[in-house]
Amino acid sequence: MPRVILPLLCIGFGICSSVAEGAAPEVSPQPNEADLVAGIRAAIADSHFGPPIEVTDLLRAPSNSSNSWMVCIRGTPASGPQGWTYSAFFKDKYVQSRHSADNDGCGGQQFHPFVDPAKIPPPSPAPASKKRHRATDRAQ
């Protein structure tokens, strides 16, 4: 009897593992710049991080995530040590955020300061030139 059960179990596990390998998950398009910045702002608000705030570039989310894209955010919580990370997840728009898990891979990423485009003042117009042309000076 045990000789019959062992081969049946092996066949059963083999069938289950081949079914689990199904098609690759569909990857949604990257969020546009406005949706990306809005999602980062929302995740920073969720995290309650204080300055300095640092972010990564847009990354592919881990394969076990139901979201296609992510950004890692690093900052200082209101109470606690500096350097905590938060993960913001995107499909074509912001979906959710949470404290980073080890499998998010945020610890090994390159961070850069987050500069909110809404807080950058527009460039000031160039001052009008007060120089007079020589041809105009001679004519007078």
N, C-alpha and C. Protein backbone atom coordinates (compact mmCIF):
# COMPACT_ATOMS: atom_id res chain seq x y z
N MET A 1 0.80 -1.20 0.00
CA MET A 1 0.00 0.00 0.00
C MET A 1 0.85 1.27 0.00
N PRO A 2 1.92 1.39 0.87
CA PRO A 2 2.75 2.59 0.85
C PRO A 2 3.44 2.80 -0.49
N ARG A 3 3.71 1.70 -1.22
CA ARG A 3 4.36 1.83 -2.52
C ARG A 3 3.43 2.49 -3.52
N VAL A 4 2.14 2.40 -3.34
CA VAL A 4 1.18 3.00 -4.25
C VAL A 4 0.95 4.47 -3.88
N ILE A 5 0.94 4.78 -2.62
CA ILE A 5 0.66 6.14 -2.15
C ILE A 5 1.79 7.09 -2.54
N LEU A 6 3.04 6.69 -2.38
CA LEU A 6 4.17 7.57 -2.67
C LEU A 6 4.18 8.03 -4.12
N PRO A 7 4.04 7.15 -5.12
CA PRO A 7 4.00 7.65 -6.51
C PRO A 7 2.81 8.56 -6.77
N LEU A 8 1.66 8.28 -6.16
CA LEU A 8 0.49 9.14 -6.35
C LEU A 8 0.73 10.52 -5.77
N LEU A 9 1.37 10.60 -4.61
CA LEU A 9 1.69 11.89 -4.02
C LEU A 9 2.65 12.68 -4.91
N CYS A 10 3.65 12.01 -5.44
CA CYS A 10 4.61 12.68 -6.32
C CYS A 10 3.93 13.23 -7.57
N ILE A 11 3.05 12.45 -8.16
CA ILE A 11 2.32 12.89 -9.34
C ILE A 11 1.42 14.08 -8.98
N GLY A 12 0.75 13.99 -7.84
CA GLY A 12 -0.13 15.07 -7.40
C GLY A 12 0.62 16.37 -7.18
N PHE A 13 1.78 16.30 -6.53
CA PHE A 13 2.58 17.52 -6.32
C PHE A 13 3.11 18.06 -7.63
N GLY A 14 3.45 17.20 -8.54
CA GLY A 14 3.93 17.65 -9.85
C GLY A 14 2.85 18.39 -10.62
N ILE A 15 1.63 17.91 -10.56
CA ILE A 15 0.53 18.57 -11.25
C ILE A 15 0.25 19.93 -10.61
N CYS A 16 0.24 19.99 -9.29
CA CYS A 16 -0.02 21.25 -8.60
C CYS A 16 1.05 22.29 -8.90
N SER A 17 2.31 21.89 -8.96
CA SER A 17 3.37 22.86 -9.22
C SER A 17 3.31 23.37 -10.66
N SER A 18 2.89 22.56 -11.60
CA SER A 18 2.80 23.04 -12.98
C SER A 18 1.63 23.98 -13.16
N VAL A 19 0.57 23.82 -12.39
CA VAL A 19 -0.57 24.73 -12.45
C VAL A 19 -0.20 26.07 -11.83
N ALA A 20 0.62 26.07 -10.79
CA ALA A 20 0.99 27.30 -10.09
C ALA A 20 1.87 28.20 -10.94
N GLU A 21 2.51 27.68 -11.97
CA GLU A 21 3.41 28.47 -12.79
C GLU A 21 2.68 29.26 -13.86
N GLY A 22 1.41 29.43 -13.84
CA GLY A 22 0.60 30.08 -14.85
C GLY A 22 1.26 31.23 -15.58
N ALA A 23 0.49 32.01 -16.29
CA ALA A 23 1.00 33.12 -17.09
C ALA A 23 1.56 34.22 -16.20
N ALA A 24 2.50 34.97 -16.74
CA ALA A 24 3.09 36.07 -16.00
C ALA A 24 2.03 37.15 -15.77
N PRO A 25 2.09 37.82 -14.62
CA PRO A 25 1.10 38.85 -14.35
C PRO A 25 1.22 40.01 -15.34
N GLU A 26 0.10 40.62 -15.63
CA GLU A 26 0.07 41.74 -16.57
C GLU A 26 0.66 42.97 -15.90
N VAL A 27 1.55 43.66 -16.60
CA VAL A 27 2.19 44.85 -16.06
C VAL A 27 1.44 46.07 -16.59
N SER A 28 0.98 46.91 -15.67
CA SER A 28 0.29 48.13 -16.09
C SER A 28 1.32 49.17 -16.52
N PRO A 29 0.90 50.16 -17.32
CA PRO A 29 1.84 51.19 -17.76
C PRO A 29 2.33 52.02 -16.58
N GLN A 30 3.49 52.63 -16.73
CA GLN A 30 4.02 53.48 -15.68
C GLN A 30 3.09 54.67 -15.45
N PRO A 31 2.98 55.13 -14.21
CA PRO A 31 2.17 56.33 -13.97
C PRO A 31 2.84 57.55 -14.61
N ASN A 32 2.01 58.51 -15.05
CA ASN A 32 2.60 59.72 -15.61
C ASN A 32 3.18 60.57 -14.49
N GLU A 33 3.89 61.61 -14.83
CA GLU A 33 4.61 62.43 -13.85
C GLU A 33 3.67 63.03 -12.80
N ALA A 34 2.51 63.54 -13.22
CA ALA A 34 1.58 64.16 -12.27
C ALA A 34 1.03 63.13 -11.29
N ASP A 35 0.66 61.94 -11.78
CA ASP A 35 0.14 60.90 -10.90
C ASP A 35 1.23 60.37 -9.96
N LEU A 36 2.45 60.30 -10.46
CA LEU A 36 3.57 59.84 -9.64
C LEU A 36 3.82 60.81 -8.48
N VAL A 37 3.88 62.11 -8.77
CA VAL A 37 4.13 63.11 -7.73
C VAL A 37 2.96 63.13 -6.74
N ALA A 38 1.72 63.05 -7.24
CA ALA A 38 0.55 63.04 -6.34
C ALA A 38 0.60 61.81 -5.42
N GLY A 39 1.00 60.66 -5.95
CA GLY A 39 1.11 59.46 -5.14
C GLY A 39 2.20 59.55 -4.10
N ILE A 40 3.32 60.14 -4.47
CA ILE A 40 4.41 60.32 -3.51
C ILE A 40 3.97 61.26 -2.39
N ARG A 41 3.29 62.35 -2.76
CA ARG A 41 2.77 63.27 -1.72
C ARG A 41 1.82 62.55 -0.77
N ALA A 42 0.91 61.73 -1.31
CA ALA A 42 -0.05 61.00 -0.47
C ALA A 42 0.67 60.02 0.45
N ALA A 43 1.67 59.33 -0.06
CA ALA A 43 2.42 58.37 0.76
C ALA A 43 3.21 59.08 1.85
N ILE A 44 3.77 60.24 1.55
CA ILE A 44 4.49 61.01 2.58
C ILE A 44 3.52 61.45 3.67
N ALA A 45 2.33 61.86 3.27
CA ALA A 45 1.31 62.24 4.27
C ALA A 45 0.92 61.03 5.11
N ASP A 46 0.75 59.87 4.49
CA ASP A 46 0.42 58.64 5.22
C ASP A 46 1.52 58.25 6.21
N SER A 47 2.76 58.46 5.81
CA SER A 47 3.90 58.02 6.62
C SER A 47 4.14 58.91 7.83
N HIS A 48 3.69 60.15 7.77
CA HIS A 48 3.94 61.14 8.83
C HIS A 48 5.43 61.39 9.01
N PHE A 49 6.22 61.24 7.94
CA PHE A 49 7.65 61.50 8.00
C PHE A 49 7.90 63.00 8.01
N GLY A 50 8.97 63.37 8.71
CA GLY A 50 9.43 64.75 8.68
C GLY A 50 10.66 64.84 7.79
N PRO A 51 11.07 66.06 7.49
CA PRO A 51 12.24 66.24 6.63
C PRO A 51 13.50 65.74 7.31
N PRO A 52 14.49 65.39 6.58
CA PRO A 52 14.54 65.39 5.12
C PRO A 52 13.84 64.15 4.54
N ILE A 53 13.13 64.35 3.45
CA ILE A 53 12.44 63.26 2.76
C ILE A 53 13.26 62.89 1.53
N GLU A 54 13.51 61.60 1.37
CA GLU A 54 14.23 61.10 0.21
C GLU A 54 13.39 60.03 -0.47
N VAL A 55 13.52 59.93 -1.79
CA VAL A 55 12.76 58.95 -2.57
C VAL A 55 13.68 58.25 -3.56
N THR A 56 13.22 57.12 -4.06
CA THR A 56 13.92 56.44 -5.14
C THR A 56 13.24 56.81 -6.45
N ASP A 57 13.84 56.41 -7.53
CA ASP A 57 13.16 56.51 -8.82
C ASP A 57 12.06 55.46 -8.84
N LEU A 58 11.21 55.50 -9.83
CA LEU A 58 10.16 54.51 -9.99
C LEU A 58 10.78 53.14 -10.23
N LEU A 59 10.34 52.13 -9.48
CA LEU A 59 10.89 50.78 -9.55
C LEU A 59 9.79 49.78 -9.89
N ARG A 60 10.17 48.64 -10.46
CA ARG A 60 9.23 47.54 -10.60
C ARG A 60 8.97 46.97 -9.22
N ALA A 61 7.71 46.77 -8.89
CA ALA A 61 7.35 46.19 -7.59
C ALA A 61 7.77 44.72 -7.57
N PRO A 62 7.97 44.16 -6.38
CA PRO A 62 8.32 42.74 -6.30
C PRO A 62 7.28 41.88 -7.00
N SER A 63 7.71 40.73 -7.47
CA SER A 63 6.83 39.85 -8.24
C SER A 63 5.64 39.34 -7.45
N ASN A 64 5.73 39.32 -6.13
CA ASN A 64 4.60 38.85 -5.33
C ASN A 64 3.61 39.96 -5.00
N SER A 65 3.84 41.15 -5.52
CA SER A 65 2.94 42.28 -5.29
C SER A 65 1.85 42.31 -6.36
N SER A 66 0.67 42.75 -5.99
CA SER A 66 -0.41 42.88 -6.97
C SER A 66 -0.30 44.19 -7.74
N ASN A 67 0.65 45.04 -7.38
CA ASN A 67 0.87 46.31 -8.06
C ASN A 67 2.13 46.21 -8.91
N SER A 68 2.18 46.99 -9.98
CA SER A 68 3.29 46.88 -10.92
C SER A 68 4.49 47.74 -10.57
N TRP A 69 4.26 48.88 -9.93
CA TRP A 69 5.32 49.86 -9.72
C TRP A 69 5.37 50.30 -8.27
N MET A 70 6.53 50.80 -7.85
CA MET A 70 6.66 51.30 -6.49
C MET A 70 7.75 52.36 -6.42
N VAL A 71 7.66 53.19 -5.38
CA VAL A 71 8.69 54.17 -5.03
C VAL A 71 8.96 53.98 -3.55
N CYS A 72 10.23 53.94 -3.18
CA CYS A 72 10.60 53.85 -1.77
C CYS A 72 10.80 55.28 -1.25
N ILE A 73 10.32 55.51 -0.05
CA ILE A 73 10.41 56.83 0.58
C ILE A 73 11.12 56.66 1.91
N ARG A 74 12.08 57.55 2.18
CA ARG A 74 12.82 57.47 3.44
C ARG A 74 12.72 58.82 4.14
N GLY A 75 12.48 58.78 5.43
CA GLY A 75 12.36 60.02 6.19
C GLY A 75 12.49 59.75 7.67
N THR A 76 12.14 60.77 8.46
CA THR A 76 12.23 60.67 9.90
C THR A 76 10.82 60.69 10.48
N PRO A 77 10.43 59.62 11.18
CA PRO A 77 9.12 59.64 11.81
C PRO A 77 9.07 60.65 12.96
N ALA A 78 7.85 61.02 13.35
CA ALA A 78 7.69 62.00 14.44
C ALA A 78 8.42 61.55 15.70
N SER A 79 8.40 60.27 16.00
CA SER A 79 9.17 59.75 17.14
C SER A 79 9.88 58.50 16.67
N GLY A 80 11.16 58.49 16.84
CA GLY A 80 11.94 57.33 16.44
C GLY A 80 13.17 57.73 15.65
N PRO A 81 13.96 56.76 15.26
CA PRO A 81 15.21 57.05 14.56
C PRO A 81 14.97 57.45 13.10
N GLN A 82 15.95 58.15 12.57
CA GLN A 82 15.91 58.56 11.17
C GLN A 82 16.18 57.35 10.27
N GLY A 83 15.69 57.39 9.04
CA GLY A 83 16.01 56.37 8.06
C GLY A 83 14.96 55.29 7.87
N TRP A 84 13.75 55.50 8.36
CA TRP A 84 12.69 54.53 8.12
C TRP A 84 12.29 54.61 6.65
N THR A 85 11.82 53.49 6.11
CA THR A 85 11.36 53.51 4.72
C THR A 85 9.89 53.14 4.62
N TYR A 86 9.27 53.71 3.61
CA TYR A 86 7.86 53.51 3.32
C TYR A 86 7.80 53.18 1.85
N SER A 87 6.88 52.35 1.44
CA SER A 87 6.74 51.98 0.03
C SER A 87 5.41 52.50 -0.50
N ALA A 88 5.47 53.19 -1.62
CA ALA A 88 4.26 53.68 -2.30
C ALA A 88 4.07 52.84 -3.55
N PHE A 89 2.88 52.28 -3.71
CA PHE A 89 2.61 51.37 -4.83
C PHE A 89 1.70 52.02 -5.86
N PHE A 90 1.99 51.72 -7.12
CA PHE A 90 1.27 52.30 -8.24
C PHE A 90 0.88 51.22 -9.23
N LYS A 91 -0.21 51.41 -9.89
CA LYS A 91 -0.51 50.70 -11.14
C LYS A 91 -0.32 51.78 -12.18
N ASP A 92 -1.37 52.28 -12.82
CA ASP A 92 -1.18 53.46 -13.66
C ASP A 92 -1.33 54.73 -12.83
N LYS A 93 -1.87 54.60 -11.60
CA LYS A 93 -2.01 55.68 -10.62
C LYS A 93 -1.64 55.14 -9.25
N TYR A 94 -1.58 56.02 -8.27
CA TYR A 94 -1.26 55.63 -6.90
C TYR A 94 -2.33 54.68 -6.38
N VAL A 95 -1.90 53.61 -5.68
CA VAL A 95 -2.83 52.62 -5.15
C VAL A 95 -2.82 52.62 -3.62
N GLN A 96 -1.64 52.48 -3.02
CA GLN A 96 -1.55 52.38 -1.56
C GLN A 96 -0.11 52.60 -1.12
N SER A 97 0.08 52.73 0.20
CA SER A 97 1.43 52.80 0.75
C SER A 97 1.43 52.09 2.10
N ARG A 98 2.63 51.71 2.53
CA ARG A 98 2.79 51.02 3.81
C ARG A 98 4.26 51.06 4.19
N HIS A 99 4.55 50.68 5.45
CA HIS A 99 5.95 50.55 5.84
C HIS A 99 6.60 49.49 4.96
N SER A 100 7.82 49.73 4.55
CA SER A 100 8.50 48.81 3.65
C SER A 100 8.78 47.47 4.33
N ALA A 101 8.65 46.43 3.55
CA ALA A 101 9.02 45.08 4.00
C ALA A 101 10.37 44.74 3.39
N ASP A 102 11.04 43.76 3.94
CA ASP A 102 12.36 43.37 3.43
C ASP A 102 12.31 43.00 1.95
N ASN A 103 11.24 42.32 1.52
CA ASN A 103 11.19 41.87 0.12
C ASN A 103 10.90 43.02 -0.85
N ASP A 104 10.58 44.24 -0.34
CA ASP A 104 10.43 45.39 -1.24
C ASP A 104 11.77 45.82 -1.80
N GLY A 105 12.84 45.53 -1.09
CA GLY A 105 14.18 45.85 -1.57
C GLY A 105 14.58 47.31 -1.41
N CYS A 106 13.88 48.06 -0.58
CA CYS A 106 14.20 49.49 -0.44
C CYS A 106 15.57 49.72 0.19
N GLY A 107 16.02 48.81 1.02
CA GLY A 107 17.30 48.97 1.69
C GLY A 107 18.49 49.07 0.75
N GLY A 108 18.40 48.47 -0.41
CA GLY A 108 19.52 48.48 -1.35
C GLY A 108 19.37 49.48 -2.48
N GLN A 109 18.41 50.39 -2.38
CA GLN A 109 18.15 51.34 -3.46
C GLN A 109 18.89 52.66 -3.26
N GLN A 110 19.06 53.40 -4.36
CA GLN A 110 19.65 54.73 -4.32
C GLN A 110 18.53 55.75 -4.06
N PHE A 111 18.70 56.59 -3.06
CA PHE A 111 17.72 57.61 -2.73
C PHE A 111 18.25 58.98 -3.13
N HIS A 112 17.33 59.90 -3.41
CA HIS A 112 17.68 61.30 -3.68
C HIS A 112 16.64 62.18 -3.01
N PRO A 113 16.97 63.43 -2.70
CA PRO A 113 16.01 64.30 -2.02
C PRO A 113 14.74 64.48 -2.84
N PHE A 114 13.61 64.49 -2.16
CA PHE A 114 12.34 64.74 -2.84
C PHE A 114 12.12 66.24 -2.89
N VAL A 115 12.00 66.76 -4.09
CA VAL A 115 11.72 68.16 -4.31
C VAL A 115 10.35 68.23 -4.95
N ASP A 116 9.38 68.73 -4.20
CA ASP A 116 8.01 68.82 -4.68
C ASP A 116 7.93 69.90 -5.76
N PRO A 117 7.55 69.53 -6.99
CA PRO A 117 7.48 70.53 -8.06
C PRO A 117 6.53 71.68 -7.75
N ALA A 118 5.52 71.46 -6.92
CA ALA A 118 4.57 72.52 -6.59
C ALA A 118 5.23 73.60 -5.73
N LYS A 119 6.32 73.27 -5.05
CA LYS A 119 6.98 74.23 -4.16
C LYS A 119 8.17 74.92 -4.82
N ILE A 120 8.43 74.64 -6.07
CA ILE A 120 9.52 75.29 -6.78
C ILE A 120 8.97 76.57 -7.39
N PRO A 121 9.53 77.73 -7.05
CA PRO A 121 9.00 78.97 -7.63
C PRO A 121 9.28 79.02 -9.13
N PRO A 122 8.37 79.62 -9.89
CA PRO A 122 8.60 79.72 -11.33
C PRO A 122 9.79 80.65 -11.59
N PRO A 123 10.48 80.45 -12.69
CA PRO A 123 11.62 81.31 -12.98
C PRO A 123 11.15 82.75 -13.18
N SER A 124 11.93 83.68 -12.67
CA SER A 124 11.56 85.09 -12.84
C SER A 124 11.94 85.53 -14.25
N PRO A 125 11.15 86.45 -14.81
CA PRO A 125 11.47 86.90 -16.17
C PRO A 125 12.79 87.67 -16.17
N ALA A 126 13.46 87.62 -17.28
CA ALA A 126 14.73 88.33 -17.42
C ALA A 126 14.49 89.83 -17.35
N PRO A 127 15.35 90.57 -16.65
CA PRO A 127 15.15 92.02 -16.57
C PRO A 127 15.33 92.66 -17.94
N ALA A 128 14.58 93.72 -18.16
CA ALA A 128 14.68 94.44 -19.44
C ALA A 128 16.05 95.09 -19.53
N SER A 129 16.62 95.02 -20.69
CA SER A 129 17.95 95.57 -20.91
C SER A 129 17.87 97.10 -20.92
N LYS A 130 18.79 97.75 -20.21
CA LYS A 130 18.81 99.21 -20.16
C LYS A 130 19.90 99.76 -21.07
N LYS A 131 20.56 98.90 -21.79
CA LYS A 131 21.61 99.34 -22.71
C LYS A 131 20.98 100.02 -23.91
N ARG A 132 21.67 101.01 -24.37
CA ARG A 132 21.22 101.66 -25.60
C ARG A 132 22.18 101.26 -26.69
N HIS A 133 21.67 101.12 -27.86
CA HIS A 133 22.51 100.73 -28.99
C HIS A 133 23.32 101.92 -29.45
N ARG A 134 24.51 101.68 -29.95
CA ARG A 134 25.39 102.74 -30.41
C ARG A 134 24.79 103.48 -31.61
N ALA A 135 24.12 102.75 -32.46
CA ALA A 135 23.53 103.41 -33.63
C ALA A 135 22.51 104.43 -33.17
N THR A 136 21.80 104.17 -32.11
CA THR A 136 20.81 105.10 -31.60
C THR A 136 21.52 106.29 -30.97
N ASP A 137 22.66 106.05 -30.30
CA ASP A 137 23.41 107.14 -29.68
C ASP A 137 23.95 108.11 -30.72
N ARG A 138 24.44 107.62 -31.84
CA ARG A 138 25.02 108.47 -32.89
C ARG A 138 23.95 109.29 -33.59
N ALA A 139 22.76 108.74 -33.72
CA ALA A 139 21.71 109.44 -34.44
C ALA A 139 21.21 110.62 -33.63
N GLN A 140 21.42 110.66 -32.37
CA GLN A 140 20.88 111.75 -31.53
C GLN A 140 21.78 112.91 -31.43
